[in-house]
Protein backbone atom coordinates (compact mmCIF):
# COMPACT_ATOMS: atom_id res chain seq x y z
CA UNK A 1 86.02 124.14 83.22
CA UNK A 2 87.93 120.92 83.94
CA UNK A 3 87.05 117.96 81.73
CA UNK A 4 88.12 114.44 82.68
CA UNK A 5 89.35 112.26 79.80
CA UNK A 6 90.16 108.67 80.86
CA UNK A 7 92.20 106.68 78.31
CA UNK A 8 93.86 103.28 77.92
CA UNK A 9 97.63 103.09 77.53
CA UNK A 10 97.19 102.53 73.80
CA UNK A 11 94.71 101.90 70.98
CA UNK A 12 92.18 104.68 71.53
CA UNK A 13 90.57 106.24 68.46
CA UNK A 14 92.52 109.17 67.00
CA UNK A 15 89.52 111.27 65.94
CA UNK A 16 87.34 110.62 68.99
CA UNK A 17 90.06 111.95 71.28
CA UNK A 18 91.96 114.52 69.23
CA UNK A 19 88.93 116.44 67.91
CA UNK A 20 87.36 116.95 71.36
CA UNK A 21 90.78 117.78 72.85
CA UNK A 22 91.39 120.42 70.18
CA UNK A 23 87.97 122.04 70.36
CA UNK A 24 87.66 121.93 74.15
CA UNK A 25 91.08 123.45 74.72
CA UNK A 26 90.43 126.07 72.03
CA UNK A 27 87.31 127.02 74.01
CA UNK A 28 89.45 127.58 77.10
CA UNK A 29 88.64 124.39 78.99
CA UNK A 30 91.23 122.25 80.78
CA UNK A 31 91.24 118.63 79.63
CA UNK A 32 92.78 116.27 82.19
CA UNK A 33 93.99 112.90 80.90
CA UNK A 34 93.72 109.92 83.25
CA UNK A 35 95.32 106.51 82.69
CA UNK A 36 95.56 103.38 84.81
CA UNK A 37 98.94 104.46 86.16
CA UNK A 38 100.08 108.01 86.79
CA UNK A 39 102.38 109.53 84.19
CA UNK A 40 101.58 107.13 81.35
CA UNK A 41 101.60 108.86 77.98
CA UNK A 42 98.73 107.20 76.10
CA UNK A 43 99.02 106.39 72.41
CA UNK A 44 96.32 106.05 69.77
CA UNK A 45 95.73 102.99 67.61
CA UNK A 46 98.64 103.29 65.14
CA UNK A 47 96.63 101.81 62.27
CA UNK A 48 94.33 104.82 62.41
CA UNK A 49 97.29 107.10 61.79
CA UNK A 50 98.67 105.21 58.81
CA UNK A 51 95.54 103.60 57.35
CA UNK A 52 93.91 100.39 58.46
CA UNK A 53 93.89 98.62 55.11
CA UNK A 54 96.05 99.72 52.16
CA UNK A 55 96.20 103.23 53.59
CA UNK A 56 92.40 103.55 53.89
CA UNK A 57 89.89 103.49 56.79
CA UNK A 58 92.08 105.59 59.09
CA UNK A 59 91.62 109.05 60.56
CA UNK A 60 91.21 112.05 58.27
CA UNK A 61 94.10 114.54 57.83
CA UNK A 62 92.77 117.21 60.20
CA UNK A 63 92.21 114.87 63.18
CA UNK A 64 95.67 113.39 62.55
CA UNK A 65 97.11 116.90 62.74
CA UNK A 66 95.17 117.57 65.93
CA UNK A 67 96.57 114.32 67.32
CA UNK A 68 100.18 115.31 66.62
CA UNK A 69 99.63 118.63 68.38
CA UNK A 70 97.87 116.95 71.29
CA UNK A 71 100.56 114.36 72.05
CA UNK A 72 103.23 117.09 71.99
CA UNK A 73 101.32 119.12 74.59
CA UNK A 74 102.76 118.77 78.13
CA UNK A 75 99.21 118.76 79.51
CA UNK A 76 98.44 115.58 77.59
CA UNK A 77 101.65 114.00 78.83
CA UNK A 78 100.83 114.49 82.53
CA UNK A 79 98.21 111.83 83.15
CA UNK A 80 96.73 111.22 86.58
CA UNK A 81 95.94 107.69 87.78
CA UNK A 82 92.39 106.37 87.71
CA UNK A 83 92.58 105.32 91.35
CA UNK A 84 93.61 108.84 92.44
CA UNK A 85 90.73 110.64 90.74
CA UNK A 86 88.40 112.84 92.77
CA UNK A 87 85.34 113.05 90.48
CA UNK A 88 83.95 116.16 92.18
CA UNK A 89 87.03 118.06 90.95
CA UNK A 90 85.75 117.83 87.35
CA UNK A 91 82.97 119.65 85.52
CA UNK A 92 82.56 117.16 82.68
CA UNK A 93 83.45 113.59 81.72
CA UNK A 94 84.39 112.48 78.21
CA UNK A 95 84.45 108.75 77.36
CA UNK A 96 86.04 108.15 73.97
CA UNK A 97 86.15 104.97 71.93
CA UNK A 98 88.43 102.75 69.93
CA UNK A 99 88.19 99.12 68.89
CA UNK A 100 91.67 97.53 68.98
CA UNK A 101 92.56 95.15 71.83
CA UNK A 102 94.30 97.77 73.98
CA UNK A 103 90.89 99.34 74.64
CA UNK A 104 89.98 96.45 76.94
CA UNK A 105 92.18 97.94 79.68
CA UNK A 106 89.89 100.97 79.80
CA UNK A 107 86.55 99.41 78.90
CA UNK A 108 86.94 96.64 81.47
CA UNK A 109 88.40 98.50 84.46
CA UNK A 110 86.48 98.14 87.73
CA UNK A 111 88.55 100.98 89.22
CA UNK A 112 87.55 103.34 86.44
CA UNK A 113 83.90 102.28 86.67
CA UNK A 114 83.86 103.14 90.38
CA UNK A 115 85.06 106.66 89.57
CA UNK A 116 82.56 106.99 86.72
CA UNK A 117 79.75 105.97 89.09
CA UNK A 118 80.80 108.73 91.49
CA UNK A 119 80.85 111.29 88.70
CA UNK A 120 77.49 110.15 87.30
CA UNK A 121 75.85 110.86 90.66
CA UNK A 122 76.94 114.50 90.40
CA UNK A 123 74.58 115.08 87.43
CA UNK A 124 77.27 116.93 85.50
CA UNK A 125 77.78 116.63 81.72
CA UNK A 126 78.87 113.19 80.47
CA UNK A 127 79.71 112.56 76.81
CA UNK A 128 80.44 109.11 75.36
CA UNK A 129 81.18 108.12 71.77
CA UNK A 130 81.49 104.80 69.89
CA UNK A 131 82.73 102.21 72.45
CA UNK A 132 82.69 104.82 75.21
CA UNK A 133 79.08 104.08 76.25
CA UNK A 134 80.25 100.56 77.18
CA UNK A 135 81.93 102.06 80.24
CA UNK A 136 78.57 103.47 81.30
CA UNK A 137 76.65 100.30 80.45
CA UNK A 138 79.01 98.39 82.73
CA UNK A 139 78.87 100.97 85.53
CA UNK A 140 76.32 100.11 88.21
CA UNK A 141 74.24 102.57 90.15
CA UNK A 142 74.94 101.54 93.77
CA UNK A 143 71.36 102.30 94.77
CA UNK A 144 69.51 100.34 92.08
CA UNK A 145 72.19 97.81 91.13
CA UNK A 146 71.42 98.55 87.49
CA UNK A 147 73.54 100.18 84.84
CA UNK A 148 73.63 103.97 85.06
CA UNK A 149 72.24 103.92 81.50
CA UNK A 150 69.06 102.17 82.67
CA UNK A 151 66.26 104.64 81.92
CA UNK A 152 68.37 106.77 79.57
CA UNK A 153 68.36 107.12 75.80
CA UNK A 154 71.66 106.50 74.06
CA UNK A 155 73.45 105.56 70.91
CA UNK A 156 76.84 103.87 70.42
CA UNK A 157 78.71 102.07 67.65
CA UNK A 158 75.85 100.47 65.68
CA UNK A 159 75.99 96.74 65.07
CA UNK A 160 75.76 97.09 61.28
CA UNK A 161 78.79 99.39 61.28
CA UNK A 162 80.88 97.17 63.55
CA UNK A 163 79.95 94.09 61.51
CA UNK A 164 80.68 95.78 58.18
CA UNK A 165 84.16 96.88 59.29
CA UNK A 166 84.91 93.39 60.56
CA UNK A 167 83.72 91.61 57.41
CA UNK A 168 85.63 94.02 55.18
CA UNK A 169 88.96 93.49 56.95
CA UNK A 170 88.84 90.07 58.62
CA UNK A 171 90.64 88.34 55.73
CA UNK A 172 93.72 90.40 56.57
CA UNK A 173 93.29 91.72 60.12
CA UNK A 174 91.33 88.96 61.84
CA UNK A 175 89.23 90.23 64.74
CA UNK A 176 90.80 93.69 64.78
CA UNK A 177 87.36 95.32 64.56
CA UNK A 178 85.76 93.01 67.13
CA UNK A 179 86.82 94.23 70.56
CA UNK A 180 84.62 91.66 72.30
CA UNK A 181 82.64 88.60 71.16
CA UNK A 182 79.42 90.56 71.72
CA UNK A 183 78.62 93.53 69.53
CA UNK A 184 78.75 96.89 71.29
CA UNK A 185 75.13 97.64 70.45
CA UNK A 186 73.92 94.33 71.90
CA UNK A 187 75.64 94.94 75.24
CA UNK A 188 74.39 98.52 75.39
CA UNK A 189 70.78 97.54 74.65
CA UNK A 190 70.88 94.83 77.33
CA UNK A 191 71.71 97.50 79.91
CA UNK A 192 68.82 99.80 79.00
CA UNK A 193 65.33 99.89 80.47
CA UNK A 194 64.00 99.13 76.99
CA UNK A 195 65.72 98.19 73.72
CA UNK A 196 63.84 101.12 72.17
CA UNK A 197 65.92 103.51 74.30
CA UNK A 198 68.77 102.79 71.88
CA UNK A 199 68.83 105.11 68.85
CA UNK A 200 70.78 103.79 65.87
CA UNK A 201 70.68 106.94 63.79
CA UNK A 202 70.74 107.06 59.98
CA UNK A 203 72.79 104.41 58.21
CA UNK A 204 76.27 105.45 57.14
CA UNK A 205 79.39 103.63 55.97
CA UNK A 206 81.71 106.37 54.74
CA UNK A 207 80.35 109.91 55.06
CA UNK A 208 81.85 111.75 58.01
CA UNK A 209 80.92 115.05 59.55
CA UNK A 210 83.44 117.88 59.59
CA UNK A 211 83.87 121.14 61.45
CA UNK A 212 81.71 122.87 58.82
CA UNK A 213 79.33 120.10 57.73
CA UNK A 214 77.37 118.18 60.37
CA UNK A 215 74.89 116.62 57.94
CA UNK A 216 76.32 113.05 58.14
CA UNK A 217 76.69 113.23 61.95
CA UNK A 218 74.35 112.06 64.70
CA UNK A 219 74.10 112.49 68.46
CA UNK A 220 71.61 111.60 71.19
CA UNK A 221 71.12 113.94 74.14
CA UNK A 222 69.27 112.91 77.30
CA UNK A 223 69.46 115.53 80.06
CA UNK A 224 73.16 115.79 81.02
CA UNK A 225 74.16 112.76 78.92
CA UNK A 226 75.36 112.97 75.31
CA UNK A 227 76.28 110.05 73.05
CA UNK A 228 77.46 109.47 69.47
CA UNK A 229 78.21 106.52 67.20
CA UNK A 230 81.66 106.69 65.59
CA UNK A 231 84.51 109.02 64.51
CA UNK A 232 82.31 110.52 61.79
CA UNK A 233 80.24 112.17 64.53
CA UNK A 234 83.19 113.65 66.46
CA UNK A 235 82.84 117.29 65.40
CA UNK A 236 79.11 117.53 66.09
CA UNK A 237 79.58 115.47 69.26
CA UNK A 238 82.15 117.95 70.55
CA UNK A 239 80.03 120.96 69.59
CA UNK A 240 77.05 119.53 71.49
CA UNK A 241 79.26 118.71 74.49
CA UNK A 242 80.49 122.30 74.55
CA UNK A 243 76.86 123.43 74.60
CA UNK A 244 76.12 121.14 77.55
CA UNK A 245 79.06 122.60 79.43
CA UNK A 246 77.85 126.13 78.69
CA UNK A 247 74.38 125.25 80.03
CA UNK A 248 76.01 124.02 83.22
CA UNK A 249 77.89 127.30 83.58
CA UNK A 250 74.69 129.32 83.16
CA UNK A 251 72.87 127.30 85.82
């Protein structure tokens, strides 16, 4: 199956992109990278590769290894342009996150939102993690004029987690962890039919899921739409996305 992976030129989250890339390609799927301009080779947030603060708070060793393999892959280095996308050519859509300023290019693109709206109408699997659901919250259904998330259940980066990261690092990194003045959760909830359609999941500050231990991880599934909160959910998130894709194949 062909999976569409739109990315900004830089600052996406290492784990939220590299883990799905690794597991989806291992499963035999084709992951197609799309950037604003054709041929751009996107780069992750460098702080997540070296450690955000005194070597801590970055990606774990395995996702960093996946990232190195991914960026060396010619398939990753052959991005198509957002404006040239034909959504019907893809079987799934993956919207990853990241919090540094470069993410605004992707989270705020009207061109990308128009393509996402086209794909959403196909009722094919859509997976969004962390800041990724913001793309959907900002994407309008042309029939209703509301967000495509209106009437759906979802999660995203929880406010307590975004605030905690900001307060912990602001003395040194300023607003590095605040992509926008509004918290991600607040904007997501405002787009929903009811605030109760947002699911925060269990509180976590450090424990991350792995390929063999999903206990700390959390996802929300609503029909063909899957969402997760942060990099600590990436392995379970990818496993559930693979299951959605398999269901599509069977039907």
